[in-house]
Protein backbone atom coordinates (compact mmCIF):
# COMPACT_ATOMS: atom_id res chain seq x y z
CA MET A 1 0.08 -0.01 0.00
CA ASN A 2 2.85 2.48 0.67
CA ILE A 3 4.13 1.99 -2.67
CA ILE A 4 0.64 3.15 -4.28
CA GLU A 5 0.62 6.13 -1.96
CA ASN A 6 4.22 7.25 -3.06
CA ILE A 7 3.30 6.61 -6.91
CA ILE A 8 -0.11 8.84 -6.85
CA PRO A 9 1.68 12.09 -6.26
CA ILE A 10 4.11 11.53 -9.15
CA VAL A 11 1.28 10.30 -11.50
CA ILE A 12 -0.77 13.16 -10.70
CA VAL A 13 2.46 15.56 -11.38
CA ILE A 14 3.21 13.76 -14.70
CA ALA A 15 -0.49 14.05 -15.80
CA VAL A 16 -0.45 18.06 -14.78
CA ILE A 17 2.86 18.40 -17.00
CA ILE A 18 0.94 16.47 -19.99
CA PHE A 19 -1.94 18.66 -19.44
CA PHE A 20 0.23 21.86 -19.70
CA VAL A 21 2.23 21.00 -22.53
CA TYR A 22 -0.58 20.00 -24.61
CA ARG A 23 -2.29 23.60 -23.63
CA GLN A 24 0.89 25.24 -24.49
CA ILE A 25 1.31 23.99 -28.04
CA ARG A 26 -1.91 25.16 -29.31
CA PRO A 27 -3.71 28.77 -28.86
CA ARG A 28 -6.00 29.09 -26.47
CA LYS A 29 -8.51 31.39 -24.89
CA ILE A 30 -7.56 33.10 -21.69
CA SER A 31 -10.37 33.38 -19.28
CA GLN A 32 -10.36 34.51 -15.59
CA LYS A 33 -11.84 31.14 -14.47
CA GLY A 34 -9.07 29.11 -16.48
CA LEU A 35 -6.30 31.40 -14.56
CA ILE A 36 -7.55 30.22 -11.31
CA ILE A 37 -8.62 26.56 -11.49
CA ILE A 38 -5.32 24.85 -11.95
CA PRO A 39 -3.64 26.79 -9.09
CA ALA A 40 -6.64 26.47 -6.95
CA ILE A 41 -6.54 22.63 -7.29
CA ILE A 42 -3.01 22.49 -6.70
CA LEU A 43 -3.33 24.65 -3.60
CA PHE A 44 -6.22 22.28 -2.27
CA LEU A 45 -3.69 19.30 -2.74
CA LEU A 46 -1.01 21.32 -0.84
CA LEU A 47 -3.43 21.90 1.92
CA GLN A 48 -4.54 18.44 1.98
CA SER A 49 -0.85 17.40 2.41
CA LEU A 50 0.05 19.93 5.24
CA PRO A 51 -0.87 17.46 8.03
CA THR A 52 1.90 14.80 6.83
CA PHE A 53 4.47 17.53 6.37
CA HIS A 54 7.13 17.39 9.22
CA PRO A 55 10.03 18.96 7.66
CA THR A 56 13.52 18.57 9.09
CA GLN A 57 15.63 21.83 8.83
CA THR A 58 17.35 20.54 5.70
CA GLU A 59 13.86 19.83 3.94
CA LEU A 60 12.84 23.19 4.82
CA ILE A 61 15.85 24.80 3.38
CA ASP A 62 15.40 22.55 0.33
CA THR A 63 11.64 23.72 0.03
CA VAL A 64 12.52 27.52 0.40
CA ILE A 65 15.46 27.17 -2.29
CA MET A 66 12.97 25.15 -4.68
CA SER A 67 10.19 27.73 -4.27
CA ILE A 68 12.48 30.59 -5.17
CA VAL A 69 13.96 28.71 -7.98
CA THR A 70 10.61 27.96 -9.33
CA ILE A 71 9.34 31.34 -9.28
CA ILE A 72 12.50 32.57 -11.18
CA PHE A 73 12.20 29.78 -13.82
CA GLY A 74 8.35 30.54 -14.09
CA LEU A 75 9.19 34.06 -14.83
CA LEU A 76 11.81 33.07 -17.22
CA ALA A 77 9.59 30.52 -18.83
CA CYS A 78 6.67 33.67 -19.15
CA ARG A 79 9.32 35.31 -21.61
CA GLU A 80 8.11 32.19 -24.11
CA LEU A 81 4.59 32.99 -23.86
CA HIS A 82 2.57 35.01 -26.81
CA ILE A 83 -0.37 36.92 -25.38
CA TYR A 84 -2.34 38.22 -28.15
CA GLN A 85 -6.07 39.75 -29.50
CA GLY A 86 -7.74 36.89 -31.01
CA SER A 87 -10.28 37.04 -33.77
CA THR A 88 -13.14 37.57 -31.36
CA GLY A 89 -11.26 40.28 -29.92
CA LYS A 90 -10.33 38.77 -26.67
CA ALA A 91 -7.06 37.52 -24.99
CA MET A 92 -5.57 34.59 -26.64
CA ALA A 93 -2.18 32.61 -25.51
CA LYS A 94 0.19 30.40 -27.26
CA GLY A 95 3.32 29.20 -25.84
CA SER A 96 6.26 27.19 -27.27
CA TRP A 97 8.28 24.15 -26.62
CA LYS A 98 10.82 26.28 -25.12
CA TYR A 99 8.56 27.33 -22.47
CA PHE A 100 8.47 23.81 -21.06
CA LEU A 101 12.37 23.75 -21.36
CA TRP A 102 12.15 26.30 -18.67
CA TRP A 103 9.72 23.97 -16.77
CA VAL A 104 11.78 20.95 -17.19
CA ALA A 105 14.91 23.05 -15.92
CA ALA A 106 13.01 23.98 -12.85
CA LEU A 107 12.13 20.26 -12.10
CA VAL A 108 15.59 18.98 -12.92
CA ILE A 109 16.86 21.52 -10.35
CA LYS A 110 14.35 20.07 -7.71
CA VAL A 111 15.95 16.77 -8.46
CA ILE A 112 19.34 17.94 -8.12
CA LEU A 113 18.48 19.70 -4.73
CA SER A 114 16.78 16.55 -3.62
CA ILE A 115 20.12 14.64 -4.34
CA VAL A 116 22.17 17.44 -2.66
CA PHE A 117 19.81 17.32 0.38
CA HIS A 118 19.92 13.44 0.58
CA GLU A 119 16.39 13.02 -0.14
CA THR A 120 17.01 10.31 -2.95
CA SER A 121 14.26 7.96 -1.46
CA SER A 122 10.69 8.42 -2.58
CA SER A 123 9.64 7.74 0.97
CA SER A 124 11.63 10.76 2.03
CA LEU A 125 9.79 12.95 -0.31
CA ASN A 126 6.54 14.77 0.84
CA GLU A 127 3.71 15.45 -1.64
CA ILE A 128 4.14 19.33 -0.48
CA GLU A 129 7.71 18.95 -2.13
CA ILE A 130 6.16 17.63 -5.45
CA TYR A 131 3.25 20.04 -5.39
CA LEU A 132 4.82 23.24 -4.36
CA PRO A 133 7.19 23.76 -7.55
CA ILE A 134 4.12 23.10 -9.94
CA PHE A 135 2.10 25.44 -7.80
CA PHE A 136 4.66 28.30 -8.19
CA LEU A 137 5.07 27.55 -11.77
CA THR A 138 1.53 27.67 -12.61
CA THR A 139 0.78 30.49 -10.49
CA THR A 140 3.83 32.59 -11.68
CA ARG A 141 2.60 31.74 -15.24
CA ASN A 142 -1.15 32.89 -14.54
CA ALA A 143 -0.32 35.83 -12.79
CA TYR A 144 2.08 37.09 -15.69
CA ILE A 145 -0.73 36.23 -18.29
CA TYR A 146 -3.24 38.19 -16.24
CA TRP A 147 -0.60 41.04 -15.87
CA ARG A 148 0.04 40.77 -19.63
CA THR A 149 -3.51 40.85 -20.72
CA LYS A 150 -4.38 44.07 -18.60
CA LYS A 151 -1.21 45.66 -19.87
CA LEU A 152 -2.39 45.07 -23.39
CA GLY A 153 -5.75 46.22 -22.62
CA LEU A 154 -7.20 42.67 -23.68
CA ILE A 155 -10.60 41.45 -22.54
CA LEU A 156 -10.74 37.99 -20.79
CA HIS A 157 -12.93 35.35 -22.11
């Protein structure tokens, strides 16, 4: 049973990443609801995981460093997003494969930090440590999209 509990968060993260890759390679409407839903779901999962998170000082340092790194990489990734006015006159967005290179880089750094902080076993990795980078990446992205649409004077769907 313990193996299944450790695999579920990993499967969720992989599914979220695949979903974002799919959404990035095609033009899509930008709606206020769309900017809120995914970060809200991840935040819900984070809050659900809080009771099981009893970090050591090392894990806390790892989590803080990873949070800062993912925000920085999220901002760098945003440079690859194209926000524009669609044929309906409302905001549209399209990313590129380069966008996900920044995301992959952030996740690779998470793995490197885990190795540096000796968290090489999946049992030593808490769900919060998995969800937090994804939360910061999506929240940074969506905040940028919202800011950019308002700066361009575009209307959300």
